[in-house]
Protein backbone atom coordinates (compact mmCIF):
# COMPACT_ATOMS: atom_id res chain seq x y z
CA MET A 1 14.85 3.42 -1.83
CA SER A 2 12.57 6.54 -1.21
CA PHE A 3 12.95 9.21 -3.97
CA ALA A 4 10.92 12.13 -1.74
CA VAL A 5 14.13 12.51 0.16
CA LEU A 6 16.51 13.37 -2.50
CA PRO A 7 16.56 16.99 -3.64
CA SER A 8 15.88 16.81 -7.37
CA GLN A 9 13.55 14.88 -10.11
CA PHE A 10 17.00 14.76 -11.68
CA VAL A 11 18.97 13.44 -9.04
CA ALA A 12 16.59 10.59 -8.24
CA THR A 13 16.63 9.58 -11.74
CA ARG A 14 20.41 9.43 -11.86
CA LYS A 15 20.12 7.31 -9.17
CA ALA A 16 17.48 5.31 -10.21
CA LEU A 17 19.62 4.83 -13.34
CA ILE A 18 22.85 3.55 -11.15
CA ARG A 19 20.94 0.90 -9.14
CA SER A 20 19.29 -0.82 -12.43
CA LEU A 21 22.79 -0.74 -13.46
CA LYS A 22 24.15 -2.41 -10.80
CA LEU A 23 21.26 -4.97 -10.84
CA LEU A 24 21.97 -5.85 -14.74
CA LEU A 25 25.78 -6.29 -14.32
CA LEU A 26 24.96 -8.73 -11.06
CA GLY A 27 22.74 -10.58 -12.60
CA LEU A 28 24.28 -10.71 -15.98
CA PHE A 29 27.54 -11.92 -13.95
CA LEU A 30 25.96 -14.17 -11.84
CA GLN A 31 23.17 -15.92 -14.28
CA GLY A 32 25.07 -15.58 -17.62
CA GLY A 33 26.70 -18.60 -16.91
CA PHE A 34 30.76 -17.22 -15.32
CA ILE A 35 29.71 -19.19 -12.04
CA HIS A 36 29.30 -22.94 -13.92
CA GLY A 37 26.62 -25.53 -12.02
CA LEU A 38 27.40 -27.25 -9.00
CA ASN A 39 28.88 -30.57 -11.35
CA ASN A 40 31.26 -28.18 -13.41
CA LEU A 41 34.08 -26.58 -10.50
CA THR A 42 34.84 -24.49 -13.43
CA TYR A 43 34.43 -20.57 -14.29
CA GLY A 44 34.24 -18.51 -17.30
CA ILE A 45 32.11 -18.97 -19.68
CA ASP A 46 32.47 -18.12 -24.01
CA VAL A 47 30.54 -14.56 -23.93
CA GLU A 48 28.96 -16.12 -27.57
CA LYS A 49 27.09 -18.08 -25.31
CA ILE A 50 26.53 -15.81 -22.16
CA ARG A 51 22.55 -16.50 -21.30
CA LEU A 52 21.84 -11.91 -21.08
CA MET A 53 18.37 -12.01 -19.49
CA GLY A 54 17.70 -13.60 -15.71
CA ILE A 55 15.96 -12.73 -12.11
CA LEU A 56 18.12 -9.81 -11.38
CA GLN A 57 17.96 -8.32 -14.86
CA ARG A 58 14.54 -8.69 -14.59
CA ILE A 59 14.09 -6.73 -11.53
CA ALA A 60 16.52 -4.70 -12.98
CA ILE A 61 14.12 -3.18 -15.94
CA ALA A 62 11.22 -3.25 -13.60
CA TYR A 63 12.70 -1.31 -11.44
CA LEU A 64 13.54 1.38 -13.47
CA VAL A 65 9.72 1.94 -14.71
CA VAL A 66 8.36 1.86 -11.64
CA ALA A 67 10.99 4.11 -10.24
CA LEU A 68 11.05 6.75 -13.15
CA CYS A 69 6.92 6.54 -12.62
CA GLU A 70 7.19 7.41 -9.09
CA ILE A 71 10.08 10.59 -10.29
CA TRP A 72 8.17 11.67 -13.44
CA LEU A 73 4.19 10.66 -13.05
CA LYS A 74 2.76 11.00 -10.08
CA GLY A 75 0.05 14.60 -8.72
CA ASN A 76 1.18 17.12 -6.62
CA HIS A 77 -2.37 17.18 -4.45
CA ASN A 78 -2.82 15.84 -1.20
CA VAL A 79 -4.47 12.60 -0.60
CA SER A 80 -7.94 12.90 1.38
CA SER A 81 -9.57 9.89 0.07
CA GLU A 82 -9.09 6.80 -1.90
CA LEU A 83 -10.57 8.61 -4.87
CA SER A 84 -8.11 11.17 -4.49
CA MET A 85 -5.00 8.66 -4.38
CA ILE A 86 -6.27 7.56 -7.78
CA LYS A 87 -5.92 10.52 -9.46
CA LYS A 88 -2.78 11.49 -7.70
CA TYR A 89 -1.05 8.29 -9.31
CA ARG A 90 -3.68 8.53 -12.39
CA PHE A 91 -0.71 7.77 -14.98
CA HIS A 92 1.14 5.03 -13.24
CA TRP A 93 -2.40 3.11 -14.29
CA VAL A 94 -1.97 4.84 -17.79
CA VAL A 95 1.44 2.97 -17.84
CA ALA A 96 0.31 0.05 -16.87
CA PHE A 97 -2.53 -0.06 -19.13
CA VAL A 98 -0.32 0.78 -21.96
CA ILE A 99 2.56 -1.94 -21.24
CA THR A 100 -0.18 -4.32 -20.43
CA THR A 101 -1.99 -4.02 -24.28
CA ILE A 102 1.44 -4.13 -25.93
CA TYR A 103 2.30 -7.43 -23.98
CA LEU A 104 -1.24 -9.00 -25.10
CA SER A 105 -1.19 -7.46 -28.53
CA LEU A 106 2.37 -9.03 -29.48
CA LEU A 107 1.61 -12.62 -27.46
CA TYR A 108 -1.85 -13.10 -29.22
CA GLY A 109 -1.26 -10.49 -32.34
CA LEU A 110 2.04 -12.03 -33.94
CA TYR A 111 2.64 -14.92 -36.19
CA VAL A 112 5.25 -17.16 -35.30
CA PRO A 113 6.69 -18.70 -37.91
CA ASP A 114 8.95 -22.10 -38.34
CA TRP A 115 12.43 -22.36 -36.65
CA GLU A 116 15.43 -24.56 -36.54
CA TYR A 117 17.92 -25.12 -33.41
CA GLN A 118 20.98 -26.63 -33.52
CA ILE A 119 21.57 -29.53 -30.05
CA LEU A 120 25.16 -31.19 -29.94
CA LYS A 121 24.90 -34.86 -30.74
CA GLU A 122 26.72 -36.99 -28.77
CA ASP A 123 27.70 -40.24 -31.04
CA GLN A 124 29.30 -43.38 -29.06
CA GLY A 125 33.01 -44.00 -29.58
CA SER A 126 33.31 -40.44 -31.61
CA THR A 127 35.35 -37.71 -31.15
CA LEU A 128 34.02 -35.83 -33.48
CA THR A 129 31.68 -32.76 -31.98
CA THR A 130 28.66 -33.22 -34.50
CA PHE A 131 25.18 -30.54 -34.48
CA LEU A 132 21.90 -32.21 -35.31
CA ASN A 133 19.35 -29.61 -36.81
CA LEU A 134 15.80 -29.62 -35.55
CA LYS A 135 12.47 -27.52 -37.01
CA VAL A 136 9.90 -26.67 -34.64
CA LYS A 137 6.81 -26.62 -36.88
CA CYS A 138 4.77 -23.47 -35.84
CA GLY A 139 3.24 -21.39 -38.43
CA VAL A 140 0.66 -20.19 -35.88
CA ARG A 141 -0.85 -16.76 -34.42
CA GLY A 142 -1.72 -16.15 -30.70
CA HIS A 143 -0.53 -19.81 -29.21
CA THR A 144 0.88 -19.80 -25.99
CA GLY A 145 2.56 -23.56 -25.69
CA PRO A 146 6.12 -24.48 -25.46
CA GLY A 147 7.56 -24.10 -29.12
CA CYS A 148 5.57 -21.51 -30.70
CA ASN A 149 4.59 -18.76 -28.57
CA ALA A 150 5.60 -14.89 -29.31
CA VAL A 151 7.52 -14.75 -26.00
CA GLY A 152 9.91 -16.94 -27.53
CA MET A 153 10.26 -16.01 -30.77
CA LEU A 154 10.74 -12.09 -29.97
CA ASP A 155 14.11 -13.29 -27.69
CA ARG A 156 14.93 -15.33 -30.18
CA MET A 157 14.56 -12.53 -32.77
CA PHE A 158 16.47 -10.05 -30.23
CA LEU A 159 18.23 -11.85 -27.86
CA GLY A 160 19.31 -14.66 -30.51
CA ILE A 161 18.78 -18.27 -29.32
CA GLN A 162 22.52 -18.95 -28.18
CA HIS A 163 22.08 -16.65 -25.54
CA LEU A 164 18.58 -17.79 -23.63
CA TYR A 165 18.33 -20.13 -20.71
CA ARG A 166 19.37 -23.22 -21.69
CA LYS A 167 17.18 -25.73 -19.01
CA PRO A 168 14.06 -24.93 -19.88
CA VAL A 169 10.76 -26.45 -17.20
CA TYR A 170 9.11 -27.36 -19.81
CA ALA A 171 12.03 -29.66 -20.02
CA ARG A 172 10.48 -31.74 -17.47
CA THR A 173 6.85 -32.30 -19.16
CA LYS A 174 5.61 -35.33 -19.81
CA GLN A 175 5.90 -35.06 -23.43
CA CYS A 176 10.08 -34.33 -22.40
CA SER A 177 10.59 -36.73 -19.86
CA ILE A 178 9.99 -40.20 -18.89
CA ASN A 179 10.21 -39.29 -15.67
CA TYR A 180 7.91 -36.69 -15.47
CA PRO A 181 7.99 -34.49 -13.18
CA ASN A 182 11.75 -34.62 -13.57
CA ASN A 183 14.28 -34.47 -15.59
CA GLY A 184 14.89 -37.16 -17.82
CA PRO A 185 15.55 -38.59 -21.03
CA LEU A 186 13.14 -38.17 -24.23
CA PRO A 187 9.97 -40.24 -24.47
CA PRO A 188 10.33 -41.75 -28.45
CA ASP A 189 7.81 -39.50 -29.59
CA ALA A 190 9.14 -36.20 -28.24
CA PRO A 191 8.17 -33.06 -29.61
CA SER A 192 11.10 -31.18 -31.51
CA TRP A 193 11.23 -28.18 -29.12
CA CYS A 194 11.96 -30.18 -26.03
CA GLN A 195 15.45 -29.92 -26.53
CA ALA A 196 15.24 -25.88 -27.40
CA PRO A 197 16.25 -23.04 -25.66
CA PHE A 198 14.01 -20.51 -23.62
CA ASP A 199 14.22 -18.08 -21.31
CA PRO A 200 11.82 -17.62 -18.63
CA GLU A 201 12.91 -14.21 -17.76
CA GLY A 202 12.69 -12.71 -21.65
CA LEU A 203 11.86 -9.48 -22.58
CA LEU A 204 8.39 -9.50 -23.50
CA SER A 205 7.32 -11.69 -20.53
CA SER A 206 9.10 -8.98 -18.44
CA LEU A 207 6.31 -6.68 -19.84
CA MET A 208 3.99 -8.20 -17.21
CA ALA A 209 6.55 -8.45 -14.46
CA THR A 210 6.75 -5.09 -14.56
CA VAL A 211 3.12 -3.83 -14.48
CA THR A 212 3.26 -6.75 -11.19
CA CYS A 213 5.78 -3.98 -9.44
CA LEU A 214 3.67 -0.99 -10.28
CA VAL A 215 0.69 -2.86 -8.41
CA GLY A 216 3.13 -3.49 -5.29
CA LEU A 217 4.73 0.18 -5.75
CA HIS A 218 0.00 1.47 -5.31
CA TYR A 219 0.07 -1.72 -1.84
CA GLY A 220 2.90 0.98 -0.79
CA HIS A 221 1.07 3.78 -1.37
CA ILE A 222 -1.91 2.97 0.37
CA ILE A 223 0.44 2.92 3.24
CA ILE A 224 2.02 6.55 2.92
CA HIS A 225 -1.24 8.04 2.60
CA PHE A 226 -3.46 6.23 4.73
CA LYS A 227 -2.44 5.73 8.69
CA ASP A 228 -5.29 4.14 10.14
CA HIS A 229 -5.17 0.29 9.73
CA LYS A 230 -8.39 -0.43 8.81
CA LYS A 231 -8.60 1.49 5.82
CA ARG A 232 -5.07 -0.17 4.95
CA LEU A 233 -6.56 -3.33 5.21
CA ASN A 234 -9.60 -2.62 3.60
CA GLN A 235 -8.06 -1.22 0.74
CA TRP A 236 -5.69 -4.05 0.13
CA ILE A 237 -8.02 -6.82 0.51
CA LEU A 238 -10.37 -5.06 -1.59
CA ARG A 239 -7.77 -4.73 -4.36
CA SER A 240 -6.75 -8.13 -3.48
CA PHE A 241 -10.16 -9.88 -4.68
CA CYS A 242 -10.28 -8.25 -7.17
CA LEU A 243 -6.96 -8.76 -8.47
CA LEU A 244 -7.33 -12.11 -7.95
CA MET A 245 -10.75 -13.13 -9.14
CA LEU A 246 -9.78 -11.11 -12.59
CA GLY A 247 -6.94 -13.67 -12.83
CA LEU A 248 -9.67 -16.64 -12.26
CA ALA A 249 -12.07 -15.88 -14.21
CA LEU A 250 -9.28 -15.15 -17.28
CA ASN A 251 -7.76 -18.32 -16.86
CA LEU A 252 -11.31 -20.17 -16.92
CA PHE A 253 -12.07 -18.28 -19.89
CA GLY A 254 -8.64 -19.37 -21.70
CA MET A 255 -5.99 -16.92 -20.58
CA HIS A 256 -4.19 -19.58 -18.90
CA LEU A 257 -2.14 -19.23 -15.70
CA ASN A 258 1.70 -19.54 -17.75
CA LYS A 259 4.52 -18.61 -15.42
CA PRO A 260 7.41 -18.80 -18.26
CA LEU A 261 4.83 -16.49 -20.39
CA TYR A 262 4.12 -14.26 -17.42
CA THR A 263 0.09 -14.41 -18.80
CA LEU A 264 -2.47 -11.10 -17.73
CA SER A 265 -4.03 -13.79 -15.46
CA TYR A 266 -0.32 -15.51 -13.76
CA MET A 267 -0.01 -11.31 -12.91
CA CYS A 268 -3.13 -10.57 -11.40
CA VAL A 269 -3.28 -13.97 -9.40
CA THR A 270 -0.39 -13.85 -7.32
CA SER A 271 -0.77 -9.88 -7.42
CA GLY A 272 -3.54 -10.56 -5.30
CA ALA A 273 -2.26 -13.54 -3.53
CA SER A 274 0.58 -11.82 -2.89
CA GLY A 275 -2.19 -8.45 -1.12
CA PHE A 276 -3.82 -11.13 0.96
CA LEU A 277 -0.61 -12.28 2.20
CA LEU A 278 0.83 -8.62 2.90
CA SER A 279 -3.05 -7.81 4.85
CA ALA A 280 -1.82 -11.11 7.13
CA ILE A 281 1.60 -10.14 8.10
CA TYR A 282 0.48 -6.27 8.64
CA LEU A 283 -2.19 -7.97 10.80
CA MET A 284 -0.21 -9.84 13.17
CA VAL A 285 2.39 -7.87 12.86
CA ASP A 286 1.67 -3.98 13.22
CA VAL A 287 -1.89 -4.58 14.43
CA TYR A 288 -1.85 -7.13 16.54
CA GLY A 289 2.08 -7.08 17.76
CA TYR A 290 3.21 -10.42 17.56
CA LYS A 291 6.94 -8.79 15.83
CA ARG A 292 8.83 -11.72 17.34
CA ALA A 293 7.32 -14.60 14.82
CA SER A 294 8.89 -11.90 12.02
CA LEU A 295 12.35 -11.30 12.85
CA VAL A 296 13.67 -13.89 10.50
CA LEU A 297 11.11 -12.33 7.71
CA GLU A 298 12.21 -8.83 8.50
CA TRP A 299 15.84 -10.14 8.20
CA MET A 300 15.38 -11.73 4.92
CA GLY A 301 14.08 -8.66 3.74
CA ILE A 302 16.24 -6.21 4.64
CA HIS A 303 19.15 -8.85 3.19
CA ALA A 304 17.20 -10.12 0.12
CA LEU A 305 19.72 -9.45 -2.17
CA PRO A 306 22.94 -11.34 0.04
CA ILE A 307 20.51 -14.16 0.84
CA TYR A 308 19.49 -14.55 -3.70
CA VAL A 309 23.20 -14.08 -4.41
CA LEU A 310 24.41 -17.27 -2.02
CA ILE A 311 21.64 -19.06 -2.47
CA ALA A 312 19.49 -18.59 -5.37
CA CYS A 313 22.90 -18.74 -7.99
CA ASN A 314 24.03 -21.24 -5.74
CA LEU A 315 26.95 -19.44 -4.55
CA VAL A 316 26.56 -21.90 -1.13
CA PHE A 317 26.80 -24.97 -2.89
CA LEU A 318 29.32 -24.04 -4.74
CA ILE A 319 31.31 -23.23 -1.40
CA ILE A 320 30.45 -26.29 0.24
CA HIS A 321 30.99 -28.59 -2.33
CA GLY A 322 34.46 -27.11 -3.16
CA PHE A 323 35.58 -29.35 0.28
CA TYR A 324 35.69 -32.67 -0.45
CA TRP A 325 37.86 -35.48 1.17
CA LYS A 326 40.22 -37.45 -0.81
CA ASN A 327 38.03 -37.51 -3.90
CA PRO A 328 35.89 -34.24 -5.50
CA ILE A 329 33.10 -36.87 -5.33
CA ASN A 330 33.35 -37.39 -1.29
CA ASN A 331 31.94 -33.84 -0.53
CA LEU A 332 28.68 -33.56 1.46
CA LEU A 333 26.33 -32.36 -1.35
CA HIS A 334 26.86 -35.60 -2.95
CA LEU A 335 26.57 -37.39 0.80
CA ILE A 336 22.83 -35.79 1.37
CA GLY A 337 21.75 -35.73 -2.16
CA ILE A 338 21.60 -32.58 -3.74
CA GLY A 339 24.34 -32.62 -6.47
CA LYS A 340 23.47 -35.63 -7.28
């Protein structure tokens, strides 16, 4: 969305707020659990257990921060060089630095105490609903492994453990699944955190996702202010290389690539890799004119949100799953193995 064509900063801010709110509500509806999974064709959810965060909610937060930066925090002078462009958008980088500092301070500075959670206990032959209390021993600071990190602690504190994602990725790790790398029964010596809810799109990790969007915004500024193909490519490649090397160096020195926590190293590597991909597509389409090869990507970009809603939120599979022959088990998804 271009804010330059809008009559005032206040109008642009209102539009950004409305768009963010729409994304937030759509994400809450789709990923909050109203539409159940492939093997449970039911609708509705207990609001006391609704998932509050998700991919669209994270996009809404990041978009709003980046949009407000673009509306209110850019200079008025013209861009004639790389240095003048950095000067024009210097407050964007101040915001990115502040967000990164807050994230690192909380991730590595907060003390994570022991904590407990409940799971439903399944008793053979019993019709009573019983719960099992599990205790996770932590008592650490700056831990980035599953169970005892500040990202999960802050989500449990502010969102509530009942509102977190109940099928975290670490449930498929070797420590938590005998069918590793797939889901499976717990090993006999499984850690107590294996069945605990954890949201990969939580509050603290969304801070670094916002920085990723600021990097993407900067890539877009290069398109706006530089018209020469060579200058655009040089700047993209240089910045992408620096980000990629920084991320790999951070990983080498102990700040590991971690998508659920969205670590600084992960942000740098993914932003750098995205910059190289952008450069390659730009070179292929805009410089050499191979536009036919990109028609599918262009269509996907124009219809990104509907595609995400239909595919990533399982709506296509749910619709297909709803048609069966005589018995619900006789549907196309089970025949090809998706619904098993």
